[in-house]
């Protein structure tokens, strides 16, 4: 066997391992995107109790959490959201493509960290917001979307993405 072929045989597995290590070990959710703030979509819906909710309900700093009773990952992130709400973080739920009875039963069973949950049974508001699935979280400051996380909200994402944005907003006011 010639020298080049031996080198190729040794190099090929190394290239494959490097590729898979990069793909599998990089947490894409943590990467800070080049996120441009945008206005929160205008809406008129009800909350899960049937009370009307409008866009102006989102003044100040709010964490919007897209969730559903059918969403397994929503259950995984729920204790973290409950902990945030105990720290006076204002969280608004966006109940996505769900039934109000199942959503209310889910909150009754697992606890309710939300100030209120916007009921979006067809997903119209979620579509306007750019939701791709549940769970997702958006940081809203005075009706402007300033941050977005797809997937489970956890301590690392909170501290590396949303908390710095909140601190920056609080310093500016």
C-alpha atoms as a PDB file:
ATOM      1  CA  UNK A   1       0.000   0.000   0.000  1.00  0.00           C
ATOM      2  CA  UNK A   2       1.397   3.370  -0.869  1.00  0.00           C
ATOM      3  CA  UNK A   3       2.021   6.150   1.672  1.00  0.00           C
ATOM      4  CA  UNK A   4      -0.858   8.376   0.467  1.00  0.00           C
ATOM      5  CA  UNK A   5      -3.448   5.651   0.889  1.00  0.00           C
ATOM      6  CA  UNK A   6      -2.277   4.882   4.441  1.00  0.00           C
ATOM      7  CA  UNK A   7      -2.443   8.568   5.310  1.00  0.00           C
ATOM      8  CA  UNK A   8      -5.972   8.814   3.878  1.00  0.00           C
ATOM      9  CA  UNK A   9      -7.119   5.758   5.825  1.00  0.00           C
ATOM     10  CA  UNK A  10      -5.881   7.342   9.050  1.00  0.00           C
ATOM     11  CA  UNK A  11      -7.160  10.815   8.243  1.00  0.00           C
ATOM     12  CA  UNK A  12     -10.707   9.884   7.166  1.00  0.00           C
ATOM     13  CA  UNK A  13     -11.900   8.620  10.601  1.00  0.00           C
ATOM     14  CA  UNK A  14     -10.406  11.709  12.227  1.00  0.00           C
ATOM     15  CA  UNK A  15     -12.345  13.990   9.875  1.00  0.00           C
ATOM     16  CA  UNK A  16     -15.578  12.072  10.488  1.00  0.00           C
ATOM     17  CA  UNK A  17     -15.118  12.197  14.285  1.00  0.00           C
ATOM     18  CA  UNK A  18     -14.368  15.920  14.196  1.00  0.00           C
ATOM     19  CA  UNK A  19     -17.483  16.581  12.117  1.00  0.00           C
ATOM     20  CA  UNK A  20     -19.772  14.642  14.459  1.00  0.00           C
ATOM     21  CA  UNK A  21     -18.204  16.194  17.553  1.00  0.00           C
ATOM     22  CA  UNK A  22     -18.899  19.682  16.187  1.00  0.00           C
ATOM     23  CA  UNK A  23     -22.459  18.830  15.206  1.00  0.00           C
ATOM     24  CA  UNK A  24     -23.399  16.941  18.363  1.00  0.00           C
ATOM     25  CA  UNK A  25     -21.573  18.944  21.023  1.00  0.00           C
ATOM     26  CA  UNK A  26     -22.500  22.497  20.005  1.00  0.00           C
ATOM     27  CA  UNK A  27     -25.668  23.707  21.715  1.00  0.00           C
ATOM     28  CA  UNK A  28     -27.355  25.762  18.997  1.00  0.00           C
ATOM     29  CA  UNK A  29     -29.938  27.155  21.446  1.00  0.00           C
ATOM     30  CA  UNK A  30     -27.238  28.978  23.402  1.00  0.00           C
ATOM     31  CA  UNK A  31     -25.700  30.776  20.439  1.00  0.00           C
ATOM     32  CA  UNK A  32     -26.681  34.416  20.499  1.00  0.00           C
ATOM     33  CA  UNK A  33     -28.375  35.202  17.215  1.00  0.00           C
ATOM     34  CA  UNK A  34     -28.195  38.542  15.466  1.00  0.00           C
ATOM     35  CA  UNK A  35     -31.630  39.331  16.804  1.00  0.00           C
ATOM     36  CA  UNK A  36     -33.260  42.566  15.759  1.00  0.00           C
ATOM     37  CA  UNK A  37     -36.005  43.792  18.049  1.00  0.00           C
ATOM     38  CA  UNK A  38     -39.472  44.047  16.563  1.00  0.00           C
ATOM     39  CA  UNK A  39     -42.917  45.110  17.698  1.00  0.00           C
ATOM     40  CA  UNK A  40     -44.995  42.451  19.397  1.00  0.00           C
ATOM     41  CA  UNK A  41     -47.900  41.637  17.055  1.00  0.00           C
ATOM     42  CA  UNK A  42     -51.189  43.372  17.764  1.00  0.00           C
ATOM     43  CA  UNK A  43     -53.846  40.968  18.971  1.00  0.00           C
ATOM     44  CA  UNK A  44     -57.200  40.661  20.706  1.00  0.00           C
ATOM     45  CA  UNK A  45     -57.711  37.255  22.271  1.00  0.00           C
ATOM     46  CA  UNK A  46     -58.934  35.838  25.559  1.00  0.00           C
ATOM     47  CA  UNK A  47     -56.973  34.342  28.395  1.00  0.00           C
ATOM     48  CA  UNK A  48     -57.640  30.794  29.577  1.00  0.00           C
ATOM     49  CA  UNK A  49     -60.384  32.114  31.874  1.00  0.00           C
ATOM     50  CA  UNK A  50     -62.240  33.788  29.003  1.00  0.00           C
ATOM     51  CA  UNK A  51     -61.167  37.339  29.901  1.00  0.00           C
ATOM     52  CA  UNK A  52     -60.208  39.626  26.994  1.00  0.00           C
ATOM     53  CA  UNK A  53     -56.481  40.300  26.548  1.00  0.00           C
ATOM     54  CA  UNK A  54     -54.921  42.859  24.226  1.00  0.00           C
ATOM     55  CA  UNK A  55     -51.429  43.840  23.160  1.00  0.00           C
ATOM     56  CA  UNK A  56     -51.261  46.675  25.690  1.00  0.00           C
ATOM     57  CA  UNK A  57     -51.265  44.021  28.444  1.00  0.00           C
ATOM     58  CA  UNK A  58     -47.569  43.513  27.688  1.00  0.00           C
ATOM     59  CA  UNK A  59     -46.153  46.831  28.941  1.00  0.00           C
ATOM     60  CA  UNK A  60     -42.929  46.684  30.937  1.00  0.00           C
ATOM     61  CA  UNK A  61     -40.624  43.682  30.975  1.00  0.00           C
ATOM     62  CA  UNK A  62     -42.345  40.360  30.359  1.00  0.00           C
ATOM     63  CA  UNK A  63     -41.234  36.863  29.505  1.00  0.00           C
ATOM     64  CA  UNK A  64     -43.677  35.333  27.010  1.00  0.00           C
ATOM     65  CA  UNK A  65     -43.614  31.541  27.191  1.00  0.00           C
ATOM     66  CA  UNK A  66     -45.266  29.523  24.419  1.00  0.00           C
ATOM     67  CA  UNK A  67     -46.608  26.309  25.940  1.00  0.00           C
ATOM     68  CA  UNK A  68     -49.256  23.622  25.554  1.00  0.00           C
ATOM     69  CA  UNK A  69     -50.655  20.770  27.627  1.00  0.00           C
ATOM     70  CA  UNK A  70     -49.571  18.300  24.921  1.00  0.00           C
ATOM     71  CA  UNK A  71     -45.951  19.537  24.991  1.00  0.00           C
ATOM     72  CA  UNK A  72     -43.564  17.211  26.867  1.00  0.00           C
ATOM     73  CA  UNK A  73     -40.676  19.704  26.892  1.00  0.00           C
ATOM     74  CA  UNK A  74     -43.034  22.312  28.378  1.00  0.00           C
ATOM     75  CA  UNK A  75     -43.392  20.025  31.384  1.00  0.00           C
ATOM     76  CA  UNK A  76     -39.592  19.754  31.619  1.00  0.00           C
ATOM     77  CA  UNK A  77     -39.110  23.542  31.698  1.00  0.00           C
ATOM     78  CA  UNK A  78     -42.100  24.202  33.964  1.00  0.00           C
ATOM     79  CA  UNK A  79     -40.234  23.977  37.321  1.00  0.00           C
ATOM     80  CA  UNK A  80     -37.696  26.516  36.081  1.00  0.00           C
ATOM     81  CA  UNK A  81     -40.473  28.917  35.034  1.00  0.00           C
ATOM     82  CA  UNK A  82     -42.143  28.431  38.413  1.00  0.00           C
ATOM     83  CA  UNK A  83     -38.856  29.333  40.095  1.00  0.00           C
ATOM     84  CA  UNK A  84     -38.528  32.471  37.920  1.00  0.00           C
ATOM     85  CA  UNK A  85     -42.050  33.586  38.822  1.00  0.00           C
ATOM     86  CA  UNK A  86     -41.177  33.241  42.523  1.00  0.00           C
ATOM     87  CA  UNK A  87     -38.319  35.692  41.833  1.00  0.00           C
ATOM     88  CA  UNK A  88     -40.882  38.269  40.618  1.00  0.00           C
ATOM     89  CA  UNK A  89     -40.157  37.701  36.924  1.00  0.00           C
ATOM     90  CA  UNK A  90     -43.404  38.483  35.111  1.00  0.00           C
ATOM     91  CA  UNK A  91     -44.236  35.565  32.838  1.00  0.00           C
ATOM     92  CA  UNK A  92     -47.152  35.559  30.410  1.00  0.00           C
ATOM     93  CA  UNK A  93     -48.155  32.248  28.888  1.00  0.00           C
ATOM     94  CA  UNK A  94     -49.121  31.856  25.258  1.00  0.00           C
ATOM     95  CA  UNK A  95     -51.149  28.673  25.198  1.00  0.00           C
ATOM     96  CA  UNK A  96     -50.565  27.314  21.712  1.00  0.00           C
ATOM     97  CA  UNK A  97     -52.945  25.125  19.684  1.00  0.00           C
ATOM     98  CA  UNK A  98     -54.510  23.591  22.777  1.00  0.00           C
ATOM     99  CA  UNK A  99     -57.941  23.281  24.340  1.00  0.00           C
ATOM    100  CA  UNK A 100     -58.759  25.577  27.228  1.00  0.00           C
ATOM    101  CA  UNK A 101     -60.022  22.718  29.399  1.00  0.00           C
ATOM    102  CA  UNK A 102     -56.833  20.659  28.928  1.00  0.00           C
ATOM    103  CA  UNK A 103     -54.645  23.723  29.457  1.00  0.00           C
ATOM    104  CA  UNK A 104     -56.453  24.711  32.665  1.00  0.00           C
ATOM    105  CA  UNK A 105     -56.293  21.123  33.960  1.00  0.00           C
ATOM    106  CA  UNK A 106     -52.554  21.037  33.190  1.00  0.00           C
ATOM    107  CA  UNK A 107     -51.979  24.280  35.137  1.00  0.00           C
ATOM    108  CA  UNK A 108     -54.118  22.992  38.006  1.00  0.00           C
ATOM    109  CA  UNK A 109     -52.004  19.833  38.178  1.00  0.00           C
ATOM    110  CA  UNK A 110     -48.528  21.364  37.697  1.00  0.00           C
ATOM    111  CA  UNK A 111     -48.941  24.892  39.071  1.00  0.00           C
ATOM    112  CA  UNK A 112     -49.332  28.217  37.331  1.00  0.00           C
ATOM    113  CA  UNK A 113     -46.261  30.465  37.004  1.00  0.00           C
ATOM    114  CA  UNK A 114     -48.058  32.829  34.599  1.00  0.00           C
ATOM    115  CA  UNK A 115     -49.625  36.219  35.297  1.00  0.00           C
ATOM    116  CA  UNK A 116     -52.155  35.001  32.731  1.00  0.00           C
ATOM    117  CA  UNK A 117     -52.104  32.758  29.667  1.00  0.00           C
ATOM    118  CA  UNK A 118     -53.225  34.052  26.300  1.00  0.00           C
ATOM    119  CA  UNK A 119     -55.408  31.387  24.693  1.00  0.00           C
ATOM    120  CA  UNK A 120     -54.374  30.952  21.043  1.00  0.00           C
ATOM    121  CA  UNK A 121     -56.247  27.812  19.945  1.00  0.00           C
ATOM    122  CA  UNK A 122     -55.589  28.220  16.213  1.00  0.00           C
ATOM    123  CA  UNK A 123     -52.061  29.556  16.650  1.00  0.00           C
ATOM    124  CA  UNK A 124     -52.747  32.863  14.870  1.00  0.00           C
ATOM    125  CA  UNK A 125     -50.839  35.051  17.345  1.00  0.00           C
ATOM    126  CA  UNK A 126     -48.068  32.454  17.513  1.00  0.00           C
ATOM    127  CA  UNK A 127     -47.813  32.504  13.716  1.00  0.00           C
ATOM    128  CA  UNK A 128     -47.588  36.310  13.694  1.00  0.00           C
ATOM    129  CA  UNK A 129     -44.875  36.101  16.352  1.00  0.00           C
ATOM    130  CA  UNK A 130     -42.871  33.544  14.363  1.00  0.00           C
ATOM    131  CA  UNK A 131     -43.371  30.544  16.649  1.00  0.00           C
ATOM    132  CA  UNK A 132     -42.160  27.266  15.155  1.00  0.00           C
ATOM    133  CA  UNK A 133     -43.360  25.042  18.011  1.00  0.00           C
ATOM    134  CA  UNK A 134     -43.663  24.747  21.749  1.00  0.00           C
ATOM    135  CA  UNK A 135     -41.884  25.612  23.915  1.00  0.00           C
ATOM    136  CA  UNK A 136     -40.420  28.918  22.879  1.00  0.00           C
ATOM    137  CA  UNK A 137     -39.787  32.023  24.955  1.00  0.00           C
ATOM    138  CA  UNK A 138     -39.687  35.684  24.021  1.00  0.00           C
ATOM    139  CA  UNK A 139     -38.433  38.601  26.060  1.00  0.00           C
ATOM    140  CA  UNK A 140     -40.737  41.589  25.647  1.00  0.00           C
ATOM    141  CA  UNK A 141     -39.788  45.078  26.794  1.00  0.00           C
ATOM    142  CA  UNK A 142     -42.551  47.662  26.337  1.00  0.00           C
ATOM    143  CA  UNK A 143     -44.268  45.670  23.582  1.00  0.00           C
ATOM    144  CA  UNK A 144     -41.010  45.083  21.692  1.00  0.00           C
ATOM    145  CA  UNK A 145     -39.622  41.583  21.211  1.00  0.00           C
ATOM    146  CA  UNK A 146     -35.947  41.917  22.169  1.00  0.00           C
ATOM    147  CA  UNK A 147     -34.984  38.259  22.592  1.00  0.00           C
ATOM    148  CA  UNK A 148     -36.109  34.796  21.527  1.00  0.00           C
ATOM    149  CA  UNK A 149     -35.229  31.252  22.586  1.00  0.00           C
ATOM    150  CA  UNK A 150     -36.460  28.093  20.891  1.00  0.00           C
ATOM    151  CA  UNK A 151     -36.818  25.008  23.039  1.00  0.00           C
ATOM    152  CA  UNK A 152     -36.643  24.565  26.776  1.00  0.00           C
ATOM    153  CA  UNK A 153     -35.956  27.602  28.942  1.00  0.00           C
ATOM    154  CA  UNK A 154     -33.340  26.775  31.567  1.00  0.00           C
ATOM    155  CA  UNK A 155     -30.820  28.460  33.862  1.00  0.00           C
ATOM    156  CA  UNK A 156     -28.050  28.654  31.252  1.00  0.00           C
ATOM    157  CA  UNK A 157     -30.265  30.216  28.583  1.00  0.00           C
ATOM    158  CA  UNK A 158     -31.791  32.586  31.121  1.00  0.00           C
ATOM    159  CA  UNK A 159     -28.410  33.793  32.392  1.00  0.00           C
ATOM    160  CA  UNK A 160     -26.669  34.021  29.012  1.00  0.00           C
ATOM    161  CA  UNK A 161     -29.438  35.410  26.813  1.00  0.00           C
ATOM    162  CA  UNK A 162     -32.364  37.023  28.629  1.00  0.00           C
ATOM    163  CA  UNK A 163     -30.879  38.267  31.908  1.00  0.00           C
ATOM    164  CA  UNK A 164     -28.240  40.457  30.177  1.00  0.00           C
ATOM    165  CA  UNK A 165     -30.996  41.987  27.999  1.00  0.00           C
ATOM    166  CA  UNK A 166     -33.087  42.767  31.096  1.00  0.00           C
ATOM    167  CA  UNK A 167     -30.096  44.276  32.899  1.00  0.00           C
ATOM    168  CA  UNK A 168     -29.276  46.414  29.858  1.00  0.00           C
ATOM    169  CA  UNK A 169     -32.895  47.656  29.669  1.00  0.00           C
ATOM    170  CA  UNK A 170     -32.951  48.459  33.390  1.00  0.00           C
ATOM    171  CA  UNK A 171     -29.686  50.422  33.134  1.00  0.00           C
ATOM    172  CA  UNK A 172     -31.090  52.440  30.253  1.00  0.00           C
ATOM    173  CA  UNK A 173     -34.182  53.551  32.156  1.00  0.00           C
END
